[in-house]
Amino acid sequence: MTTAQQNEVTRILSLSLAPLSRVEIIRELLKLKVKTNSRNMDAASLELQLEVYADELMGFPADCVLQALQDAGRQKWWPDWGTLEALITPLQGLRKRLLHDLKARNNLIPGRSDRERRYNNDPKTLGHFLNSLQKNFYEGHSEKMVSEEAMDKRQQKG
């Protein structure tokens, strides 16, 4: 693949990760609410639930969100967040991996030299390297995609 082709694929993959607008997400969530059964909620609780779901869904690609909401609409019950996230995540995963690999191939992601690998394999150094990779990976994407809180939780688990 030529450099121009790689750049074009990178551009297309980056665009394919763009989220839906908040208005469109709310509209799609309302359609889903009409199609599925759910527990009774007062207006304030329903509004809060839609707002929280919309905030979360803005971190995912538009077509992945639409597909997941369409799939969830075929079920009898309103989906909990974990169910929706499980539908969306695999849809966006391949694109993220492809984009990451293309950026790595184009040296947009810093590589570790053999010397760095040999002499700096302690967990702290490796953690700094992985954090820099993650920062480069998510650069240019919506801040909502990966919140500081989510990154902190991952670091605490690892």
N, C-alpha and C. Protein backbone atom coordinates (compact mmCIF):
# COMPACT_ATOMS: atom_id res chain seq x y z
N MET A 1 0.85 -1.16 0.00
CA MET A 1 0.00 0.00 0.00
C MET A 1 0.90 1.23 0.00
N THR A 2 0.58 2.18 -0.86
CA THR A 2 1.39 3.40 -0.93
C THR A 2 1.09 4.30 0.27
N THR A 3 1.95 5.28 0.46
CA THR A 3 1.75 6.22 1.56
C THR A 3 0.45 6.99 1.38
N ALA A 4 0.16 7.39 0.14
CA ALA A 4 -1.09 8.12 -0.13
C ALA A 4 -2.30 7.26 0.20
N GLN A 5 -2.24 5.97 -0.15
CA GLN A 5 -3.34 5.07 0.16
C GLN A 5 -3.48 4.89 1.68
N GLN A 6 -2.35 4.75 2.36
CA GLN A 6 -2.39 4.62 3.83
C GLN A 6 -3.00 5.86 4.46
N ASN A 7 -2.62 7.03 3.96
CA ASN A 7 -3.16 8.27 4.49
C ASN A 7 -4.67 8.36 4.26
N GLU A 8 -5.11 7.92 3.09
CA GLU A 8 -6.54 7.95 2.78
C GLU A 8 -7.32 6.97 3.67
N VAL A 9 -6.77 5.78 3.86
CA VAL A 9 -7.42 4.79 4.74
C VAL A 9 -7.46 5.33 6.17
N THR A 10 -6.37 5.94 6.62
CA THR A 10 -6.33 6.52 7.96
C THR A 10 -7.39 7.61 8.10
N ARG A 11 -7.51 8.45 7.08
CA ARG A 11 -8.52 9.53 7.11
C ARG A 11 -9.93 8.95 7.18
N ILE A 12 -10.20 7.93 6.36
CA ILE A 12 -11.53 7.32 6.33
C ILE A 12 -11.84 6.63 7.66
N LEU A 13 -10.87 5.90 8.19
CA LEU A 13 -11.09 5.24 9.48
C LEU A 13 -11.32 6.25 10.59
N SER A 14 -10.58 7.35 10.57
CA SER A 14 -10.77 8.39 11.58
C SER A 14 -12.18 8.98 11.48
N LEU A 15 -12.63 9.23 10.25
CA LEU A 15 -13.98 9.76 10.05
C LEU A 15 -15.04 8.75 10.49
N SER A 16 -14.76 7.47 10.29
CA SER A 16 -15.74 6.44 10.65
C SER A 16 -15.91 6.30 12.16
N LEU A 17 -15.03 6.90 12.92
CA LEU A 17 -15.13 6.86 14.38
C LEU A 17 -15.88 8.07 14.95
N ALA A 18 -16.37 8.95 14.07
CA ALA A 18 -17.08 10.15 14.52
C ALA A 18 -18.44 9.78 15.13
N PRO A 19 -18.82 10.44 16.22
CA PRO A 19 -20.09 10.12 16.89
C PRO A 19 -21.29 10.82 16.23
N LEU A 20 -22.47 10.34 16.58
CA LEU A 20 -23.71 11.03 16.23
C LEU A 20 -23.82 12.30 17.05
N SER A 21 -24.62 13.23 16.58
CA SER A 21 -24.88 14.42 17.40
C SER A 21 -25.77 14.02 18.58
N ARG A 22 -25.73 14.82 19.61
CA ARG A 22 -26.53 14.54 20.80
C ARG A 22 -28.03 14.50 20.47
N VAL A 23 -28.47 15.41 19.62
CA VAL A 23 -29.89 15.46 19.22
C VAL A 23 -30.30 14.16 18.53
N GLU A 24 -29.46 13.68 17.62
CA GLU A 24 -29.77 12.43 16.92
C GLU A 24 -29.78 11.24 17.87
N ILE A 25 -28.85 11.22 18.82
CA ILE A 25 -28.81 10.12 19.79
C ILE A 25 -30.08 10.11 20.63
N ILE A 26 -30.49 11.27 21.12
CA ILE A 26 -31.72 11.35 21.93
C ILE A 26 -32.91 10.88 21.11
N ARG A 27 -32.98 11.31 19.85
CA ARG A 27 -34.09 10.89 18.98
C ARG A 27 -34.11 9.37 18.83
N GLU A 28 -32.95 8.77 18.60
CA GLU A 28 -32.88 7.31 18.45
C GLU A 28 -33.21 6.59 19.75
N LEU A 29 -32.79 7.14 20.88
CA LEU A 29 -33.13 6.55 22.17
C LEU A 29 -34.63 6.61 22.43
N LEU A 30 -35.26 7.71 22.04
CA LEU A 30 -36.71 7.83 22.20
C LEU A 30 -37.44 6.80 21.33
N LYS A 31 -36.95 6.59 20.11
CA LYS A 31 -37.54 5.55 19.24
C LYS A 31 -37.42 4.19 19.92
N LEU A 32 -36.25 3.91 20.48
CA LEU A 32 -36.03 2.63 21.17
C LEU A 32 -36.97 2.51 22.36
N LYS A 33 -37.16 3.60 23.08
CA LYS A 33 -38.04 3.58 24.25
C LYS A 33 -39.47 3.22 23.84
N VAL A 34 -39.91 3.72 22.70
CA VAL A 34 -41.26 3.43 22.21
C VAL A 34 -41.38 1.97 21.79
N LYS A 35 -40.33 1.41 21.22
CA LYS A 35 -40.36 0.03 20.71
C LYS A 35 -40.26 -1.03 21.80
N THR A 36 -39.71 -0.69 22.96
CA THR A 36 -39.44 -1.70 23.98
C THR A 36 -40.21 -1.42 25.27
N ASN A 37 -40.41 -2.46 26.04
CA ASN A 37 -41.03 -2.31 27.36
C ASN A 37 -39.96 -1.97 28.38
N SER A 38 -40.36 -1.23 29.39
CA SER A 38 -39.42 -0.91 30.47
C SER A 38 -40.21 -0.69 31.75
N ARG A 39 -39.49 -0.64 32.85
CA ARG A 39 -40.18 -0.38 34.12
C ARG A 39 -40.72 1.04 34.10
N ASN A 40 -41.76 1.25 34.87
CA ASN A 40 -42.37 2.58 34.94
C ASN A 40 -41.40 3.57 35.56
N MET A 41 -41.31 4.74 34.94
CA MET A 41 -40.43 5.80 35.43
C MET A 41 -41.18 7.10 35.41
N ASP A 42 -40.85 7.97 36.34
CA ASP A 42 -41.41 9.31 36.25
C ASP A 42 -40.63 10.07 35.18
N ALA A 43 -41.13 11.22 34.80
CA ALA A 43 -40.52 12.00 33.71
C ALA A 43 -39.08 12.37 34.01
N ALA A 44 -38.80 12.73 35.26
CA ALA A 44 -37.43 13.14 35.63
C ALA A 44 -36.46 11.97 35.51
N SER A 45 -36.88 10.78 35.94
CA SER A 45 -36.01 9.60 35.85
C SER A 45 -35.75 9.22 34.40
N LEU A 46 -36.81 9.29 33.58
CA LEU A 46 -36.65 8.98 32.16
C LEU A 46 -35.70 9.96 31.50
N GLU A 47 -35.86 11.24 31.81
CA GLU A 47 -34.98 12.25 31.24
C GLU A 47 -33.53 12.01 31.65
N LEU A 48 -33.32 11.70 32.91
CA LEU A 48 -31.97 11.42 33.41
C LEU A 48 -31.38 10.20 32.71
N GLN A 49 -32.17 9.14 32.57
CA GLN A 49 -31.68 7.94 31.90
C GLN A 49 -31.28 8.24 30.45
N LEU A 50 -32.13 8.98 29.74
CA LEU A 50 -31.81 9.33 28.36
C LEU A 50 -30.55 10.19 28.28
N GLU A 51 -30.38 11.12 29.21
CA GLU A 51 -29.19 11.97 29.23
C GLU A 51 -27.92 11.15 29.47
N VAL A 52 -27.98 10.23 30.43
CA VAL A 52 -26.81 9.40 30.74
C VAL A 52 -26.46 8.52 29.55
N TYR A 53 -27.46 7.87 28.95
CA TYR A 53 -27.21 7.02 27.79
C TYR A 53 -26.63 7.86 26.64
N ALA A 54 -27.21 9.04 26.41
CA ALA A 54 -26.71 9.90 25.33
C ALA A 54 -25.26 10.29 25.57
N ASP A 55 -24.92 10.66 26.81
CA ASP A 55 -23.53 11.01 27.13
C ASP A 55 -22.59 9.85 26.80
N GLU A 56 -22.97 8.66 27.20
CA GLU A 56 -22.13 7.48 26.95
C GLU A 56 -22.04 7.17 25.45
N LEU A 57 -23.16 7.26 24.75
CA LEU A 57 -23.19 6.90 23.33
C LEU A 57 -22.40 7.88 22.46
N MET A 58 -22.19 9.08 22.94
CA MET A 58 -21.41 10.05 22.17
C MET A 58 -19.95 9.65 22.07
N GLY A 59 -19.52 8.66 22.82
CA GLY A 59 -18.15 8.17 22.74
C GLY A 59 -17.96 7.07 21.72
N PHE A 60 -19.00 6.76 20.96
CA PHE A 60 -18.93 5.66 19.99
C PHE A 60 -19.25 6.17 18.58
N PRO A 61 -18.77 5.46 17.55
CA PRO A 61 -19.05 5.86 16.17
C PRO A 61 -20.56 5.85 15.86
N ALA A 62 -20.96 6.78 15.02
CA ALA A 62 -22.38 6.97 14.70
C ALA A 62 -23.06 5.70 14.21
N ASP A 63 -22.48 5.05 13.20
CA ASP A 63 -23.16 3.88 12.64
C ASP A 63 -23.19 2.71 13.62
N CYS A 64 -22.20 2.62 14.49
CA CYS A 64 -22.19 1.56 15.52
C CYS A 64 -23.32 1.78 16.51
N VAL A 65 -23.54 3.04 16.89
CA VAL A 65 -24.63 3.37 17.81
C VAL A 65 -25.97 3.04 17.16
N LEU A 66 -26.13 3.47 15.91
CA LEU A 66 -27.40 3.20 15.21
C LEU A 66 -27.66 1.70 15.10
N GLN A 67 -26.63 0.94 14.76
CA GLN A 67 -26.79 -0.52 14.64
C GLN A 67 -27.15 -1.15 15.98
N ALA A 68 -26.47 -0.74 17.04
CA ALA A 68 -26.74 -1.31 18.37
C ALA A 68 -28.15 -0.96 18.84
N LEU A 69 -28.59 0.27 18.60
CA LEU A 69 -29.94 0.66 19.01
C LEU A 69 -30.99 -0.08 18.18
N GLN A 70 -30.68 -0.30 16.91
CA GLN A 70 -31.59 -1.07 16.06
C GLN A 70 -31.68 -2.51 16.56
N ASP A 71 -30.54 -3.11 16.88
CA ASP A 71 -30.53 -4.48 17.41
C ASP A 71 -31.27 -4.56 18.74
N ALA A 72 -31.06 -3.58 19.60
CA ALA A 72 -31.73 -3.56 20.90
C ALA A 72 -33.24 -3.39 20.73
N GLY A 73 -33.66 -2.70 19.68
CA GLY A 73 -35.08 -2.50 19.41
C GLY A 73 -35.81 -3.76 19.01
N ARG A 74 -35.09 -4.80 18.67
CA ARG A 74 -35.70 -6.08 18.31
C ARG A 74 -36.02 -6.92 19.55
N GLN A 75 -35.55 -6.47 20.70
CA GLN A 75 -35.80 -7.17 21.95
C GLN A 75 -37.08 -6.64 22.60
N LYS A 76 -37.60 -7.39 23.53
CA LYS A 76 -38.83 -6.99 24.21
C LYS A 76 -38.59 -5.87 25.22
N TRP A 77 -37.44 -5.92 25.92
CA TRP A 77 -37.19 -5.01 27.03
C TRP A 77 -36.15 -3.95 26.70
N TRP A 78 -36.31 -2.80 27.33
CA TRP A 78 -35.34 -1.71 27.24
C TRP A 78 -34.00 -2.23 27.75
N PRO A 79 -32.91 -2.03 27.01
CA PRO A 79 -31.62 -2.60 27.42
C PRO A 79 -30.96 -1.81 28.55
N ASP A 80 -30.28 -2.55 29.42
CA ASP A 80 -29.45 -1.85 30.41
C ASP A 80 -28.19 -1.38 29.68
N TRP A 81 -27.42 -0.51 30.33
CA TRP A 81 -26.25 0.06 29.65
C TRP A 81 -25.25 -1.03 29.23
N GLY A 82 -25.02 -2.01 30.08
CA GLY A 82 -24.06 -3.07 29.77
C GLY A 82 -24.41 -3.82 28.50
N THR A 83 -25.69 -4.05 28.28
CA THR A 83 -26.14 -4.73 27.07
C THR A 83 -25.85 -3.89 25.83
N LEU A 84 -26.16 -2.60 25.91
CA LEU A 84 -25.89 -1.72 24.77
C LEU A 84 -24.39 -1.63 24.48
N GLU A 85 -23.62 -1.46 25.53
CA GLU A 85 -22.17 -1.35 25.36
C GLU A 85 -21.60 -2.63 24.74
N ALA A 86 -22.14 -3.78 25.13
CA ALA A 86 -21.68 -5.05 24.57
C ALA A 86 -22.02 -5.17 23.09
N LEU A 87 -23.10 -4.52 22.65
CA LEU A 87 -23.45 -4.52 21.23
C LEU A 87 -22.54 -3.58 20.43
N ILE A 88 -22.18 -2.46 21.02
CA ILE A 88 -21.42 -1.43 20.30
C ILE A 88 -19.93 -1.72 20.24
N THR A 89 -19.36 -2.16 21.32
CA THR A 89 -17.91 -2.29 21.43
C THR A 89 -17.29 -3.15 20.33
N PRO A 90 -17.83 -4.33 20.01
CA PRO A 90 -17.21 -5.11 18.94
C PRO A 90 -17.29 -4.42 17.58
N LEU A 91 -18.34 -3.63 17.38
CA LEU A 91 -18.50 -2.95 16.10
C LEU A 91 -17.41 -1.90 15.88
N GLN A 92 -17.00 -1.23 16.95
CA GLN A 92 -15.97 -0.19 16.79
C GLN A 92 -14.56 -0.74 16.96
N GLY A 93 -14.42 -1.90 17.59
CA GLY A 93 -13.10 -2.43 17.91
C GLY A 93 -12.19 -2.64 16.72
N LEU A 94 -12.73 -3.22 15.66
CA LEU A 94 -11.91 -3.49 14.47
C LEU A 94 -11.38 -2.19 13.88
N ARG A 95 -12.20 -1.18 13.78
CA ARG A 95 -11.75 0.10 13.23
C ARG A 95 -10.63 0.70 14.06
N LYS A 96 -10.80 0.65 15.37
CA LYS A 96 -9.76 1.21 16.24
C LYS A 96 -8.45 0.46 16.07
N ARG A 97 -8.53 -0.86 15.98
CA ARG A 97 -7.30 -1.65 15.80
C ARG A 97 -6.65 -1.34 14.45
N LEU A 98 -7.45 -1.25 13.39
CA LEU A 98 -6.90 -0.94 12.07
C LEU A 98 -6.25 0.44 12.06
N LEU A 99 -6.93 1.41 12.64
CA LEU A 99 -6.38 2.77 12.69
C LEU A 99 -5.08 2.79 13.50
N HIS A 100 -5.07 2.10 14.62
CA HIS A 100 -3.87 2.01 15.45
C HIS A 100 -2.72 1.40 14.66
N ASP A 101 -3.00 0.30 13.95
CA ASP A 101 -1.96 -0.37 13.17
C ASP A 101 -1.43 0.52 12.05
N LEU A 102 -2.33 1.24 11.38
CA LEU A 102 -1.89 2.14 10.31
C LEU A 102 -1.03 3.27 10.87
N LYS A 103 -1.44 3.83 11.98
CA LYS A 103 -0.65 4.91 12.58
C LYS A 103 0.71 4.39 13.03
N ALA A 104 0.74 3.18 13.55
CA ALA A 104 2.01 2.58 13.96
C ALA A 104 2.90 2.37 12.74
N ARG A 105 2.31 1.91 11.66
CA ARG A 105 3.07 1.68 10.42
C ARG A 105 3.64 2.99 9.89
N ASN A 106 2.89 4.08 10.05
CA ASN A 106 3.34 5.39 9.56
C ASN A 106 4.19 6.13 10.59
N ASN A 107 4.61 5.40 11.63
CA ASN A 107 5.44 5.97 12.69
C ASN A 107 4.77 7.13 13.43
N LEU A 108 3.45 7.12 13.46
CA LEU A 108 2.74 8.11 14.25
C LEU A 108 2.68 7.69 15.71
N ILE A 109 2.97 6.42 15.96
CA ILE A 109 3.04 5.90 17.32
C ILE A 109 4.49 5.56 17.58
N PRO A 110 5.06 6.10 18.63
CA PRO A 110 6.49 5.86 18.87
C PRO A 110 6.77 4.40 19.17
N GLY A 111 7.82 3.89 18.57
CA GLY A 111 8.23 2.52 18.83
C GLY A 111 9.26 2.49 19.94
N ARG A 112 9.44 1.33 20.53
CA ARG A 112 10.47 1.17 21.56
C ARG A 112 11.66 0.48 20.91
N SER A 113 12.81 1.05 21.12
CA SER A 113 14.02 0.45 20.57
C SER A 113 14.35 -0.82 21.36
N ASP A 114 15.21 -1.66 20.77
CA ASP A 114 15.65 -2.87 21.47
C ASP A 114 16.31 -2.51 22.80
N ARG A 115 17.08 -1.43 22.79
CA ARG A 115 17.76 -1.01 24.02
C ARG A 115 16.74 -0.64 25.10
N GLU A 116 15.69 0.11 24.69
CA GLU A 116 14.65 0.46 25.66
C GLU A 116 13.97 -0.78 26.21
N ARG A 117 13.69 -1.74 25.35
CA ARG A 117 13.04 -2.98 25.80
C ARG A 117 13.92 -3.75 26.78
N ARG A 118 15.21 -3.81 26.47
CA ARG A 118 16.14 -4.60 27.27
C ARG A 118 16.36 -3.99 28.65
N TYR A 119 16.52 -2.67 28.71
CA TYR A 119 16.91 -2.03 29.96
C TYR A 119 15.77 -1.36 30.72
N ASN A 120 14.61 -1.28 30.13
CA ASN A 120 13.50 -0.57 30.77
C ASN A 120 12.23 -1.40 30.79
N ASN A 121 12.32 -2.63 31.21
CA ASN A 121 11.15 -3.48 31.25
C ASN A 121 10.47 -3.52 32.60
N ASP A 122 10.86 -2.61 33.50
CA ASP A 122 10.18 -2.61 34.79
C ASP A 122 8.74 -2.11 34.59
N PRO A 123 7.83 -2.47 35.48
CA PRO A 123 6.42 -2.13 35.31
C PRO A 123 6.15 -0.63 35.17
N LYS A 124 6.89 0.19 35.91
CA LYS A 124 6.66 1.63 35.86
C LYS A 124 6.98 2.19 34.47
N THR A 125 8.12 1.81 33.91
CA THR A 125 8.52 2.28 32.59
C THR A 125 7.55 1.77 31.53
N LEU A 126 7.19 0.51 31.62
CA LEU A 126 6.24 -0.06 30.67
C LEU A 126 4.90 0.67 30.77
N GLY A 127 4.49 1.00 31.99
CA GLY A 127 3.24 1.74 32.19
C GLY A 127 3.28 3.10 31.52
N HIS A 128 4.41 3.82 31.66
CA HIS A 128 4.56 5.12 30.99
C HIS A 128 4.48 4.96 29.48
N PHE A 129 5.14 3.93 28.95
CA PHE A 129 5.11 3.70 27.51
C PHE A 129 3.69 3.41 27.04
N LEU A 130 2.98 2.55 27.76
CA LEU A 130 1.60 2.21 27.37
C LEU A 130 0.69 3.42 27.47
N ASN A 131 0.89 4.25 28.48
CA ASN A 131 0.09 5.48 28.60
C ASN A 131 0.35 6.41 27.43
N SER A 132 1.61 6.51 26.99
CA SER A 132 1.90 7.37 25.84
C SER A 132 1.27 6.82 24.58
N LEU A 133 1.25 5.50 24.43
CA LEU A 133 0.57 4.89 23.28
C LEU A 133 -0.92 5.20 23.32
N GLN A 134 -1.51 5.06 24.49
CA GLN A 134 -2.94 5.30 24.63
C GLN A 134 -3.26 6.76 24.34
N LYS A 135 -2.41 7.66 24.83
CA LYS A 135 -2.62 9.09 24.59
C LYS A 135 -2.58 9.38 23.08
N ASN A 136 -1.57 8.83 22.39
CA ASN A 136 -1.47 9.03 20.95
C ASN A 136 -2.64 8.41 20.22
N PHE A 137 -3.10 7.26 20.70
CA PHE A 137 -4.20 6.56 20.05
C PHE A 137 -5.48 7.37 20.11
N TYR A 138 -5.75 7.98 21.26
CA TYR A 138 -7.00 8.70 21.43
C TYR A 138 -6.91 10.17 21.05
N GLU A 139 -5.71 10.63 20.70
CA GLU A 139 -5.54 12.02 20.32
C GLU A 139 -6.37 12.31 19.08
N GLY A 140 -7.03 13.42 19.07
CA GLY A 140 -7.85 13.77 17.94
C GLY A 140 -9.28 13.26 18.04
N HIS A 141 -9.57 12.43 19.02
CA HIS A 141 -10.92 11.93 19.21
C HIS A 141 -11.59 12.71 20.33
N SER A 142 -12.86 12.57 20.41
CA SER A 142 -13.65 13.25 21.43
C SER A 142 -13.13 12.93 22.83
N GLU A 143 -13.10 13.94 23.70
CA GLU A 143 -12.67 13.71 25.07
C GLU A 143 -13.62 12.77 25.79
N LYS A 144 -14.85 12.70 25.35
CA LYS A 144 -15.81 11.80 26.00
C LYS A 144 -15.50 10.35 25.72
N MET A 145 -14.72 10.11 24.66
CA MET A 145 -14.43 8.73 24.29
C MET A 145 -13.73 7.98 25.42
N VAL A 146 -12.77 8.64 26.01
CA VAL A 146 -12.08 8.02 27.14
C VAL A 146 -11.95 9.09 28.21
N SER A 147 -12.73 8.99 29.23
CA SER A 147 -12.68 9.99 30.30
C SER A 147 -11.48 9.71 31.19
N GLU A 148 -11.07 10.74 31.89
CA GLU A 148 -9.96 10.58 32.83
C GLU A 148 -10.31 9.53 33.88
N GLU A 149 -11.57 9.51 34.29
CA GLU A 149 -11.99 8.56 35.31
C GLU A 149 -11.82 7.13 34.81
N ALA A 150 -12.21 6.87 33.57
CA ALA A 150 -12.07 5.52 33.02
C ALA A 150 -10.60 5.12 32.92
N MET A 151 -9.74 6.07 32.54
CA MET A 151 -8.31 5.77 32.44
C MET A 151 -7.74 5.47 33.82
N ASP A 152 -8.17 6.24 34.83
CA ASP A 152 -7.70 6.00 36.19
C ASP A 152 -8.11 4.63 36.69
N LYS A 153 -9.35 4.23 36.39
CA LYS A 153 -9.83 2.91 36.82
C LYS A 153 -9.01 1.80 36.18
N ARG A 154 -8.70 1.96 34.88
CA ARG A 154 -7.90 0.95 34.19
C ARG A 154 -6.52 0.84 34.80
N GLN A 155 -5.92 1.99 35.14
CA GLN A 155 -4.58 1.97 35.72
C GLN A 155 -4.58 1.33 37.10
N GLN A 156 -5.65 1.56 37.86
CA GLN A 156 -5.74 0.96 39.19
C GLN A 156 -5.91 -0.54 39.10
N LYS A 157 -6.64 -1.03 38.10
CA LYS A 157 -6.84 -2.47 37.93
C LYS A 157 -5.57 -3.15 37.46
N GLY A 158 -4.81 -2.45 36.59
CA GLY A 158 -3.60 -3.04 35.99
C GLY A 158 -2.45 -2.95 36.87
